[in-house]
Structures are given as C-alpha cells and as structure tokens.
Amino acid sequence: MRYCELFESLSSILYHSTSIKSVLEMLSSNRFRLTPDFGTDSEIGLRSSDKIYYMSFSRSRINDYRSYNGGSCLLVLDGDKLNQRYSGKSIDYWGSSFDTDEMEDRLFSKDAHIENADNYIREIHCLPRLAYEDDKKRDLSWIRKIYIMANRMNISVYVYGDRDSYRLLDKRKSVNLSSFGDIKNNEKPYVSYGGRNYYAGFMELLSDIDRDKLSKVAEDLLYKIRHDGFGDIKRSLSADIHNDRTGRGRENLDKFLSRLRQLGIKNIDQLLDYIKTKYDL
C-alpha cells in the first residue's frame, strides 16, 4: 500500500461518514470513539509519535469511500476547533497507484475518545433506509432521537428521502420526518452483554504475577507463543483487535492497549518479543 503525507494540520471543514446508529451513540455519550491502529502494520506506518488512536475525515463531501446507501449519516465538523486541541495531517492513503482522489485528513490522539463532541459538529445529514418497513421504522426512530439531542446541542440535522440529494447535501431537498408517516418503532432496546475477553491471557502475562501463579489461560498462551512457528498468534491477535475496534469488546481492547502503552510496546511483534524475553521462551 502506498500513501503520501501532505499537510500537517486538519482542514477547516471536515466530513465524517458513519451509520445512523453510530451517530445516535455519539450524541448520547457526547464523544467520538477513535480507532486504534494497533494490530495493522499499514495503519501503524501512519502513526504520529505514540498516538495510537485516530479518526478519519474527508476534505470533500463527495468522495470515493463515503457511503451513499440508506442507514448512513455524514457529519460536517469544525476542523479549526479540532486543530486547537489535536494534531492531524492530510494523507493520500492509496497513493498514485490507485485510480481514486480520496484524500484523508487523520486526527491523532493518545486517548480513545474525544469528549464534548458537540463542540465540533456543525451539521448532521441522514439518509434512512426506505426499502423495507422494519428498517425504515428503525432508522427514522433513531433519527428522531438524533433530532432531539442535536437540537439541545444547537446542531442542525437534515434528512433526505433520496440518494442524490443526500450525496450532494442539497439542503433545499431535505425533508421533515413527518413526511415519512408513522415512525413508531416497537423494537426492544439493544442490550450488550459483553463477550469473550481475548486479551485476558496477554494482560496476565504483562502483569507482575509470578510464573507459578499464572492461570491455565495464560499458561496455554505461553505454550502457543513458544511453539508458534507460523505467525498464528500474530494473525489471530490482529483479527481480534480489528473486530473489537467497533465491537462489544472495545472496552477490553482499550484496557489492553493502555497497558501496552505503559510498557512502551508499539506493535504485536514487540509484544511477543517482550513476553518471550520475560518468560525466557
């Protein structure tokens, strides 16, 4: 993969494409959840200093990787305000070898979240799914909640009934929620029950626990690391990190990454070398 770094600051106006549900969660917590680069060599290559978390934006409202499908939102953000507190730079992620004009502005941070998201959001544009009634009611119900919270935060919200108007952010063709009819949604609230902690064994090996007091999980992991001649541990851990970036295991992942930062470990290879040295494997 080729990429070219361009400007050492974020653009004045930024665009961030995401799902309607993600925007609802964003406003509910009033913070942006950043993405960790750990586990992906190409992303680590773009890292700024020891700031392992990032958030990607586009400088143009029309770009090759923005979703124009139903169920999506586009946030318009104040890049100047973000520049006051965070570092960032513009990146031609794909380089000249790909036929795309995608220019990414990337913000870097040591922290997993940016608090007070409402300070940076100028507008929210939404395109609900309309083809199927259940999807339609679910999206419109979420957008209604977005409307209510955004109004309290003095953020403008625009909803579109067709893909072309949404693509161009043609505010003249935005519509009222009432134009979609009944938006009552009987869906039960989603409750997350967590999930398996894929990092528990690693966290134990990185702790001060004596070797003879390690759990079976940690001992089994040590055995696998000792006899891993084909890189299976690295591939497996990379996959777990990738899945937990936006999944139910994000809290466990953030704790794991925080411990790695404390130890000065910058990638999976360094992690495995650290464990091998510590336990004389």
C-alpha atoms as a PDB file:
ATOM      1  CA  MET A   1       0.000   0.000   0.000  1.00  0.00           C
ATOM      2  CA  ARG A   2       1.322   3.460  -0.901  1.00  0.00           C
ATOM      3  CA  TYR A   3       0.450   6.728   0.776  1.00  0.00           C
ATOM      4  CA  CYS A   4       1.717  10.282   0.788  1.00  0.00           C
ATOM      5  CA  GLU A   5       1.591  12.707   3.711  1.00  0.00           C
ATOM      6  CA  LEU A   6       0.574  16.192   2.611  1.00  0.00           C
ATOM      7  CA  PHE A   7      -0.357  18.868   5.170  1.00  0.00           C
ATOM      8  CA  GLU A   8       0.466  18.885   8.888  1.00  0.00           C
ATOM      9  CA  SER A   9      -2.938  20.070  10.066  1.00  0.00           C
ATOM     10  CA  LEU A  10      -6.601  19.307   9.590  1.00  0.00           C
ATOM     11  CA  SER A  11      -8.713  21.139   7.022  1.00  0.00           C
ATOM     12  CA  SER A  12     -11.060  23.896   8.217  1.00  0.00           C
ATOM     13  CA  ILE A  13     -14.176  21.894   7.287  1.00  0.00           C
ATOM     14  CA  LEU A  14     -14.194  18.105   7.650  1.00  0.00           C
ATOM     15  CA  TYR A  15     -16.656  15.354   6.733  1.00  0.00           C
ATOM     16  CA  HIS A  16     -17.081  12.059   8.554  1.00  0.00           C
ATOM     17  CA  SER A  17     -19.285   9.273   7.203  1.00  0.00           C
ATOM     18  CA  THR A  18     -20.807   6.757   9.605  1.00  0.00           C
ATOM     19  CA  SER A  19     -24.038   4.910  10.400  1.00  0.00           C
ATOM     20  CA  ILE A  20     -27.207   6.405  11.863  1.00  0.00           C
ATOM     21  CA  LYS A  21     -26.858   4.194  14.923  1.00  0.00           C
ATOM     22  CA  SER A  22     -23.268   5.346  15.462  1.00  0.00           C
ATOM     23  CA  VAL A  23     -24.372   8.994  15.407  1.00  0.00           C
ATOM     24  CA  LEU A  24     -27.068   8.200  17.962  1.00  0.00           C
ATOM     25  CA  GLU A  25     -24.478   6.598  20.238  1.00  0.00           C
ATOM     26  CA  MET A  26     -22.108   9.510  19.615  1.00  0.00           C
ATOM     27  CA  LEU A  27     -24.639  12.121  20.687  1.00  0.00           C
ATOM     28  CA  SER A  28     -25.828  10.040  23.643  1.00  0.00           C
ATOM     29  CA  SER A  29     -22.293   9.915  25.059  1.00  0.00           C
ATOM     30  CA  ASN A  30     -21.308  13.294  23.572  1.00  0.00           C
ATOM     31  CA  ARG A  31     -17.954  11.941  22.463  1.00  0.00           C
ATOM     32  CA  PHE A  32     -16.214  10.499  19.427  1.00  0.00           C
ATOM     33  CA  ARG A  33     -14.818   6.989  19.758  1.00  0.00           C
ATOM     34  CA  LEU A  34     -11.463   6.850  17.993  1.00  0.00           C
ATOM     35  CA  THR A  35      -9.978   3.872  16.162  1.00  0.00           C
ATOM     36  CA  PRO A  36      -6.777   2.175  17.402  1.00  0.00           C
ATOM     37  CA  ASP A  37      -4.119   1.479  14.770  1.00  0.00           C
ATOM     38  CA  PHE A  38      -2.583  -1.388  16.768  1.00  0.00           C
ATOM     39  CA  GLY A  39      -2.604  -4.736  15.001  1.00  0.00           C
ATOM     40  CA  THR A  40      -2.405  -3.411  11.430  1.00  0.00           C
ATOM     41  CA  ASP A  41       1.084  -2.713  10.103  1.00  0.00           C
ATOM     42  CA  SER A  42      -0.123  -0.355   7.365  1.00  0.00           C
ATOM     43  CA  GLU A  43      -2.009   1.771   9.913  1.00  0.00           C
ATOM     44  CA  ILE A  44       0.918   1.778  12.347  1.00  0.00           C
ATOM     45  CA  GLY A  45       3.021   3.154   9.498  1.00  0.00           C
ATOM     46  CA  LEU A  46       0.820   6.259   9.537  1.00  0.00           C
ATOM     47  CA  ARG A  47       1.060   6.711  13.312  1.00  0.00           C
ATOM     48  CA  SER A  48       2.027  10.097  14.716  1.00  0.00           C
ATOM     49  CA  SER A  49       4.506   9.651  17.580  1.00  0.00           C
ATOM     50  CA  ASP A  50       2.962   7.402  20.250  1.00  0.00           C
ATOM     51  CA  LYS A  51      -0.627   8.404  19.464  1.00  0.00           C
ATOM     52  CA  ILE A  52      -2.184   5.040  18.682  1.00  0.00           C
ATOM     53  CA  TYR A  53      -5.770   6.285  18.228  1.00  0.00           C
ATOM     54  CA  TYR A  54      -7.051   8.088  15.165  1.00  0.00           C
ATOM     55  CA  MET A  55     -10.192   9.400  13.495  1.00  0.00           C
ATOM     56  CA  SER A  56     -10.517   9.717   9.724  1.00  0.00           C
ATOM     57  CA  PHE A  57     -12.213  12.523   7.821  1.00  0.00           C
ATOM     58  CA  SER A  58     -12.637  13.626   4.239  1.00  0.00           C
ATOM     59  CA  ARG A  59     -11.987  17.158   2.997  1.00  0.00           C
ATOM     60  CA  SER A  60     -14.763  16.807   0.429  1.00  0.00           C
ATOM     61  CA  ARG A  61     -18.413  15.944   0.943  1.00  0.00           C
ATOM     62  CA  ILE A  62     -18.248  13.819  -2.217  1.00  0.00           C
ATOM     63  CA  ASN A  63     -15.554  11.159  -2.095  1.00  0.00           C
ATOM     64  CA  ASP A  64     -14.884   7.571  -3.104  1.00  0.00           C
ATOM     65  CA  TYR A  65     -15.328   5.967   0.318  1.00  0.00           C
ATOM     66  CA  ARG A  66     -18.341   7.755   1.714  1.00  0.00           C
ATOM     67  CA  SER A  67     -21.444   5.593   1.952  1.00  0.00           C
ATOM     68  CA  TYR A  68     -24.371   6.827  -0.101  1.00  0.00           C
ATOM     69  CA  ASN A  69     -26.628   3.979   0.986  1.00  0.00           C
ATOM     70  CA  GLY A  70     -29.551   4.189   3.363  1.00  0.00           C
ATOM     71  CA  GLY A  71     -28.802   3.947   7.067  1.00  0.00           C
ATOM     72  CA  SER A  72     -25.871   6.348   6.837  1.00  0.00           C
ATOM     73  CA  CYS A  73     -25.031   9.834   8.079  1.00  0.00           C
ATOM     74  CA  LEU A  74     -22.481  12.453   7.154  1.00  0.00           C
ATOM     75  CA  LEU A  75     -21.161  14.750   9.869  1.00  0.00           C
ATOM     76  CA  VAL A  76     -19.844  18.193   8.996  1.00  0.00           C
ATOM     77  CA  LEU A  77     -17.202  19.163  11.533  1.00  0.00           C
ATOM     78  CA  ASP A  78     -15.178  22.213  12.504  1.00  0.00           C
ATOM     79  CA  GLY A  79     -11.575  21.360  11.660  1.00  0.00           C
ATOM     80  CA  ASP A  80     -10.247  24.632  13.072  1.00  0.00           C
ATOM     81  CA  LYS A  81     -11.587  23.792  16.539  1.00  0.00           C
ATOM     82  CA  LEU A  82     -10.159  20.285  16.362  1.00  0.00           C
ATOM     83  CA  ASN A  83      -6.776  21.739  15.370  1.00  0.00           C
ATOM     84  CA  GLN A  84      -6.749  23.756  18.583  1.00  0.00           C
ATOM     85  CA  ARG A  85      -6.643  20.601  20.732  1.00  0.00           C
ATOM     86  CA  TYR A  86      -5.488  17.758  18.500  1.00  0.00           C
ATOM     87  CA  SER A  87      -2.779  17.061  15.957  1.00  0.00           C
ATOM     88  CA  GLY A  88      -3.611  15.855  12.485  1.00  0.00           C
ATOM     89  CA  LYS A  89      -2.425  15.691   8.927  1.00  0.00           C
ATOM     90  CA  SER A  90      -3.679  15.093   5.414  1.00  0.00           C
ATOM     91  CA  ILE A  91      -2.853  11.756   3.787  1.00  0.00           C
ATOM     92  CA  ASP A  92      -3.221  10.438   0.256  1.00  0.00           C
ATOM     93  CA  TYR A  93      -3.918   6.976   1.636  1.00  0.00           C
ATOM     94  CA  TRP A  94      -3.847   4.962  -1.580  1.00  0.00           C
ATOM     95  CA  GLY A  95      -1.134   6.864  -3.436  1.00  0.00           C
ATOM     96  CA  SER A  96      -0.773   7.246  -7.174  1.00  0.00           C
ATOM     97  CA  SER A  97      -1.126   3.526  -7.893  1.00  0.00           C
ATOM     98  CA  PHE A  98      -4.918   3.644  -7.410  1.00  0.00           C
ATOM     99  CA  ASP A  99      -7.462   5.460  -9.539  1.00  0.00           C
ATOM    100  CA  THR A 100      -9.044   7.451  -6.739  1.00  0.00           C
ATOM    101  CA  ASP A 101      -8.926  11.015  -5.497  1.00  0.00           C
ATOM    102  CA  GLU A 102      -9.584  10.068  -1.892  1.00  0.00           C
ATOM    103  CA  MET A 103      -7.760  12.494   0.397  1.00  0.00           C
ATOM    104  CA  GLU A 104      -7.981  11.625   4.068  1.00  0.00           C
ATOM    105  CA  ASP A 105      -7.476  14.012   6.958  1.00  0.00           C
ATOM    106  CA  ARG A 106      -6.456  11.990  10.002  1.00  0.00           C
ATOM    107  CA  LEU A 107      -6.590  13.162  13.618  1.00  0.00           C
ATOM    108  CA  PHE A 108      -4.258  11.515  16.148  1.00  0.00           C
ATOM    109  CA  SER A 109      -4.651  11.111  19.898  1.00  0.00           C
ATOM    110  CA  LYS A 110      -3.281   9.165  22.858  1.00  0.00           C
ATOM    111  CA  ASP A 111      -6.831   8.859  24.177  1.00  0.00           C
ATOM    112  CA  ALA A 112      -9.542   6.507  22.993  1.00  0.00           C
ATOM    113  CA  HIS A 113     -12.208   9.234  22.896  1.00  0.00           C
ATOM    114  CA  ILE A 114     -12.724  12.904  22.110  1.00  0.00           C
ATOM    115  CA  GLU A 115     -15.040  14.403  24.704  1.00  0.00           C
ATOM    116  CA  ASN A 116     -17.625  17.152  24.087  1.00  0.00           C
ATOM    117  CA  ALA A 117     -18.287  16.113  20.501  1.00  0.00           C
ATOM    118  CA  ASP A 118     -20.979  18.783  20.195  1.00  0.00           C
ATOM    119  CA  ASN A 119     -18.241  21.441  20.228  1.00  0.00           C
ATOM    120  CA  TYR A 120     -17.030  20.194  16.851  1.00  0.00           C
ATOM    121  CA  ILE A 121     -20.181  19.074  14.972  1.00  0.00           C
ATOM    122  CA  ARG A 122     -21.712  21.709  12.698  1.00  0.00           C
ATOM    123  CA  GLU A 123     -24.306  19.644  10.846  1.00  0.00           C
ATOM    124  CA  ILE A 124     -25.662  16.108  10.655  1.00  0.00           C
ATOM    125  CA  HIS A 125     -27.066  14.766   7.365  1.00  0.00           C
ATOM    126  CA  CYS A 126     -29.017  11.494   7.375  1.00  0.00           C
ATOM    127  CA  LEU A 127     -30.338   9.089   4.753  1.00  0.00           C
ATOM    128  CA  PRO A 128     -32.671   6.431   6.235  1.00  0.00           C
ATOM    129  CA  ARG A 129     -33.282   3.023   4.709  1.00  0.00           C
ATOM    130  CA  LEU A 130     -36.669   3.108   2.999  1.00  0.00           C
ATOM    131  CA  ALA A 131     -36.919  -0.120   1.022  1.00  0.00           C
ATOM    132  CA  TYR A 132     -38.145  -2.302   3.910  1.00  0.00           C
ATOM    133  CA  GLU A 133     -40.641  -1.220   6.528  1.00  0.00           C
ATOM    134  CA  ASP A 134     -38.755  -2.582   9.558  1.00  0.00           C
ATOM    135  CA  ASP A 135     -35.518  -0.883   8.502  1.00  0.00           C
ATOM    136  CA  LYS A 136     -37.387   2.317   7.748  1.00  0.00           C
ATOM    137  CA  LYS A 137     -39.081   2.491  11.146  1.00  0.00           C
ATOM    138  CA  ARG A 138     -35.851   1.648  12.960  1.00  0.00           C
ATOM    139  CA  ASP A 139     -33.822   4.325  11.164  1.00  0.00           C
ATOM    140  CA  LEU A 140     -36.490   7.004  11.468  1.00  0.00           C
ATOM    141  CA  SER A 141     -36.900   6.241  15.173  1.00  0.00           C
ATOM    142  CA  TRP A 142     -33.157   6.684  15.665  1.00  0.00           C
ATOM    143  CA  ILE A 143     -33.144   9.890  13.593  1.00  0.00           C
ATOM    144  CA  ARG A 144     -35.947  11.288  15.733  1.00  0.00           C
ATOM    145  CA  LYS A 145     -33.784  10.750  18.808  1.00  0.00           C
ATOM    146  CA  ILE A 146     -30.860  12.358  16.982  1.00  0.00           C
ATOM    147  CA  TYR A 147     -33.080  15.364  16.230  1.00  0.00           C
ATOM    148  CA  ILE A 148     -33.989  15.783  19.886  1.00  0.00           C
ATOM    149  CA  MET A 149     -30.420  15.555  21.202  1.00  0.00           C
ATOM    150  CA  ALA A 150     -28.917  17.641  18.385  1.00  0.00           C
ATOM    151  CA  ASN A 151     -31.478  20.390  18.974  1.00  0.00           C
ATOM    152  CA  ARG A 152     -30.340  20.638  22.604  1.00  0.00           C
ATOM    153  CA  MET A 153     -26.752  20.905  21.364  1.00  0.00           C
ATOM    154  CA  ASN A 154     -27.584  23.546  18.712  1.00  0.00           C
ATOM    155  CA  ILE A 155     -26.578  21.197  15.893  1.00  0.00           C
ATOM    156  CA  SER A 156     -28.525  21.294  12.615  1.00  0.00           C
ATOM    157  CA  VAL A 157     -29.935  17.993  11.313  1.00  0.00           C
ATOM    158  CA  TYR A 158     -31.016  17.366   7.699  1.00  0.00           C
ATOM    159  CA  VAL A 159     -32.855  14.265   6.471  1.00  0.00           C
ATOM    160  CA  TYR A 160     -33.146  13.179   2.856  1.00  0.00           C
ATOM    161  CA  GLY A 161     -35.592  10.937   1.094  1.00  0.00           C
ATOM    162  CA  ASP A 162     -33.422  10.180  -1.929  1.00  0.00           C
ATOM    163  CA  ARG A 163     -29.825   9.198  -2.526  1.00  0.00           C
ATOM    164  CA  ASP A 164     -28.909  12.008  -4.953  1.00  0.00           C
ATOM    165  CA  SER A 165     -29.970  14.816  -2.614  1.00  0.00           C
ATOM    166  CA  TYR A 166     -28.062  13.173   0.219  1.00  0.00           C
ATOM    167  CA  ARG A 167     -24.976  12.717  -1.952  1.00  0.00           C
ATOM    168  CA  LEU A 168     -24.891  16.436  -2.774  1.00  0.00           C
ATOM    169  CA  LEU A 169     -26.091  17.541   0.689  1.00  0.00           C
ATOM    170  CA  ASP A 170     -28.753  19.580  -1.105  1.00  0.00           C
ATOM    171  CA  LYS A 171     -30.442  21.137   1.935  1.00  0.00           C
ATOM    172  CA  ARG A 172     -33.221  22.540  -0.275  1.00  0.00           C
ATOM    173  CA  LYS A 173     -34.397  18.978  -0.824  1.00  0.00           C
ATOM    174  CA  SER A 174     -34.152  17.845   2.797  1.00  0.00           C
ATOM    175  CA  VAL A 175     -37.468  16.693   4.271  1.00  0.00           C
ATOM    176  CA  ASN A 176     -39.312  16.645   7.571  1.00  0.00           C
ATOM    177  CA  LEU A 177     -39.601  13.367   9.457  1.00  0.00           C
ATOM    178  CA  SER A 178     -43.393  13.691   9.334  1.00  0.00           C
ATOM    179  CA  SER A 179     -43.255  13.228   5.549  1.00  0.00           C
ATOM    180  CA  PHE A 180     -42.329   9.562   6.106  1.00  0.00           C
ATOM    181  CA  GLY A 181     -45.542   8.837   8.005  1.00  0.00           C
ATOM    182  CA  ASP A 182     -45.706   6.809  11.224  1.00  0.00           C
ATOM    183  CA  ILE A 183     -42.214   6.337  12.662  1.00  0.00           C
ATOM    184  CA  LYS A 184     -43.148   4.428  15.780  1.00  0.00           C
ATOM    185  CA  ASN A 185     -40.662   1.647  16.337  1.00  0.00           C
ATOM    186  CA  ASN A 186     -41.533  -1.272  18.594  1.00  0.00           C
ATOM    187  CA  GLU A 187     -38.003  -2.637  18.595  1.00  0.00           C
ATOM    188  CA  LYS A 188     -36.749  -3.626  22.036  1.00  0.00           C
ATOM    189  CA  PRO A 189     -33.675  -1.706  23.227  1.00  0.00           C
ATOM    190  CA  TYR A 190     -30.422  -3.468  22.404  1.00  0.00           C
ATOM    191  CA  VAL A 191     -28.527  -4.639  25.459  1.00  0.00           C
ATOM    192  CA  SER A 192     -24.886  -5.569  25.175  1.00  0.00           C
ATOM    193  CA  TYR A 193     -23.817  -8.481  27.350  1.00  0.00           C
ATOM    194  CA  GLY A 194     -20.122  -8.004  26.701  1.00  0.00           C
ATOM    195  CA  GLY A 195     -18.352 -11.003  25.284  1.00  0.00           C
ATOM    196  CA  ARG A 196     -15.191 -13.001  25.493  1.00  0.00           C
ATOM    197  CA  ASN A 197     -12.116 -11.053  26.600  1.00  0.00           C
ATOM    198  CA  TYR A 198      -9.479 -12.045  24.030  1.00  0.00           C
ATOM    199  CA  TYR A 199      -6.789 -10.101  25.881  1.00  0.00           C
ATOM    200  CA  ALA A 200      -7.108 -11.613  29.367  1.00  0.00           C
ATOM    201  CA  GLY A 201      -4.221 -14.023  28.866  1.00  0.00           C
ATOM    202  CA  PHE A 202      -1.951 -11.308  27.477  1.00  0.00           C
ATOM    203  CA  MET A 203      -2.879  -8.934  30.300  1.00  0.00           C
ATOM    204  CA  GLU A 204      -1.925 -11.602  32.826  1.00  0.00           C
ATOM    205  CA  LEU A 205       1.414 -12.214  31.125  1.00  0.00           C
ATOM    206  CA  LEU A 206       2.089  -8.479  31.167  1.00  0.00           C
ATOM    207  CA  SER A 207       1.327  -8.219  34.885  1.00  0.00           C
ATOM    208  CA  ASP A 208       3.554  -8.834  37.920  1.00  0.00           C
ATOM    209  CA  ILE A 209       2.008 -12.232  38.678  1.00  0.00           C
ATOM    210  CA  ASP A 210       4.616 -14.912  39.447  1.00  0.00           C
ATOM    211  CA  ARG A 211       5.061 -17.609  36.807  1.00  0.00           C
ATOM    212  CA  ASP A 212       3.864 -20.375  39.152  1.00  0.00           C
ATOM    213  CA  LYS A 213       0.633 -18.482  39.826  1.00  0.00           C
ATOM    214  CA  LEU A 214      -0.437 -17.992  36.221  1.00  0.00           C
ATOM    215  CA  SER A 215      -3.896 -19.206  35.209  1.00  0.00           C
ATOM    216  CA  LYS A 216      -4.379 -22.038  32.734  1.00  0.00           C
ATOM    217  CA  VAL A 217      -5.386 -19.470  30.108  1.00  0.00           C
ATOM    218  CA  ALA A 218      -2.074 -17.633  30.484  1.00  0.00           C
ATOM    219  CA  GLU A 219      -0.041 -20.861  30.587  1.00  0.00           C
ATOM    220  CA  ASP A 220      -1.740 -22.129  27.427  1.00  0.00           C
ATOM    221  CA  LEU A 221      -0.974 -18.823  25.734  1.00  0.00           C
ATOM    222  CA  LEU A 222       2.686 -19.085  26.744  1.00  0.00           C
ATOM    223  CA  TYR A 223       2.828 -22.567  25.231  1.00  0.00           C
ATOM    224  CA  LYS A 224       1.328 -21.302  21.957  1.00  0.00           C
ATOM    225  CA  ILE A 225       3.759 -18.378  21.804  1.00  0.00           C
ATOM    226  CA  ARG A 226       6.728 -20.690  22.439  1.00  0.00           C
ATOM    227  CA  HIS A 227       5.712 -23.077  19.650  1.00  0.00           C
ATOM    228  CA  ASP A 228       4.279 -20.553  17.187  1.00  0.00           C
ATOM    229  CA  GLY A 229       6.451 -21.040  14.132  1.00  0.00           C
ATOM    230  CA  PHE A 230       3.989 -19.777  11.527  1.00  0.00           C
ATOM    231  CA  GLY A 231       2.818 -16.458  12.999  1.00  0.00           C
ATOM    232  CA  ASP A 232      -0.615 -17.748  14.005  1.00  0.00           C
ATOM    233  CA  ILE A 233      -0.608 -15.789  17.275  1.00  0.00           C
ATOM    234  CA  LYS A 234       0.037 -12.503  15.498  1.00  0.00           C
ATOM    235  CA  ARG A 235      -2.648 -13.124  12.871  1.00  0.00           C
ATOM    236  CA  SER A 236      -5.177 -14.177  15.499  1.00  0.00           C
ATOM    237  CA  LEU A 237      -4.499 -11.206  17.758  1.00  0.00           C
ATOM    238  CA  SER A 238      -4.609  -8.821  14.778  1.00  0.00           C
ATOM    239  CA  ALA A 239      -8.035 -10.204  13.836  1.00  0.00           C
ATOM    240  CA  ASP A 240      -9.339  -9.860  17.414  1.00  0.00           C
ATOM    241  CA  ILE A 241      -8.169  -6.247  17.594  1.00  0.00           C
ATOM    242  CA  HIS A 242      -9.732  -5.463  14.225  1.00  0.00           C
ATOM    243  CA  ASN A 243     -13.085  -6.961  15.257  1.00  0.00           C
ATOM    244  CA  ASP A 244     -13.137  -5.234  18.650  1.00  0.00           C
ATOM    245  CA  ARG A 245     -12.426  -1.762  17.279  1.00  0.00           C
ATOM    246  CA  THR A 246     -16.152  -1.307  16.746  1.00  0.00           C
ATOM    247  CA  GLY A 247     -17.478  -4.385  18.523  1.00  0.00           C
ATOM    248  CA  ARG A 248     -18.568  -5.364  22.006  1.00  0.00           C
ATOM    249  CA  GLY A 249     -15.006  -5.958  23.141  1.00  0.00           C
ATOM    250  CA  ARG A 250     -13.878  -2.354  22.706  1.00  0.00           C
ATOM    251  CA  GLU A 251     -13.615  -1.690  26.446  1.00  0.00           C
ATOM    252  CA  ASN A 252     -11.351  -4.720  26.924  1.00  0.00           C
ATOM    253  CA  LEU A 253      -9.285  -3.659  23.921  1.00  0.00           C
ATOM    254  CA  ASP A 254      -8.757  -0.146  25.278  1.00  0.00           C
ATOM    255  CA  LYS A 255      -7.535  -1.529  28.619  1.00  0.00           C
ATOM    256  CA  PHE A 256      -5.144  -3.852  26.788  1.00  0.00           C
ATOM    257  CA  LEU A 257      -3.776  -1.026  24.629  1.00  0.00           C
ATOM    258  CA  SER A 258      -3.371   1.194  27.683  1.00  0.00           C
ATOM    259  CA  ARG A 259      -1.172  -1.463  29.299  1.00  0.00           C
ATOM    260  CA  LEU A 260       0.928  -1.771  26.144  1.00  0.00           C
ATOM    261  CA  ARG A 261       1.467   1.985  26.104  1.00  0.00           C
ATOM    262  CA  GLN A 262       2.640   1.872  29.723  1.00  0.00           C
ATOM    263  CA  LEU A 263       5.256  -0.689  28.719  1.00  0.00           C
ATOM    264  CA  GLY A 264       6.302   1.179  25.584  1.00  0.00           C
ATOM    265  CA  ILE A 265       5.148  -1.645  23.309  1.00  0.00           C
ATOM    266  CA  LYS A 266       4.254  -0.262  19.877  1.00  0.00           C
ATOM    267  CA  ASN A 267       3.195  -3.307  17.855  1.00  0.00           C
ATOM    268  CA  ILE A 268       2.408  -7.019  18.092  1.00  0.00           C
ATOM    269  CA  ASP A 269       5.942  -8.112  17.229  1.00  0.00           C
ATOM    270  CA  GLN A 270       7.288  -6.097  20.172  1.00  0.00           C
ATOM    271  CA  LEU A 271       4.579  -7.573  22.395  1.00  0.00           C
ATOM    272  CA  LEU A 272       5.564 -11.145  21.551  1.00  0.00           C
ATOM    273  CA  ASP A 273       9.278 -10.362  21.947  1.00  0.00           C
ATOM    274  CA  TYR A 274       8.567  -8.805  25.345  1.00  0.00           C
ATOM    275  CA  ILE A 275       6.733 -11.924  26.546  1.00  0.00           C
ATOM    276  CA  LYS A 276       9.402 -14.267  25.158  1.00  0.00           C
ATOM    277  CA  THR A 277      12.129 -12.328  26.962  1.00  0.00           C
ATOM    278  CA  LYS A 278      10.189 -12.023  30.220  1.00  0.00           C
ATOM    279  CA  TYR A 279       9.461 -15.750  30.396  1.00  0.00           C
ATOM    280  CA  ASP A 280      12.698 -16.910  28.752  1.00  0.00           C
ATOM    281  CA  LEU A 281      10.891 -18.728  25.933  1.00  0.00           C
END
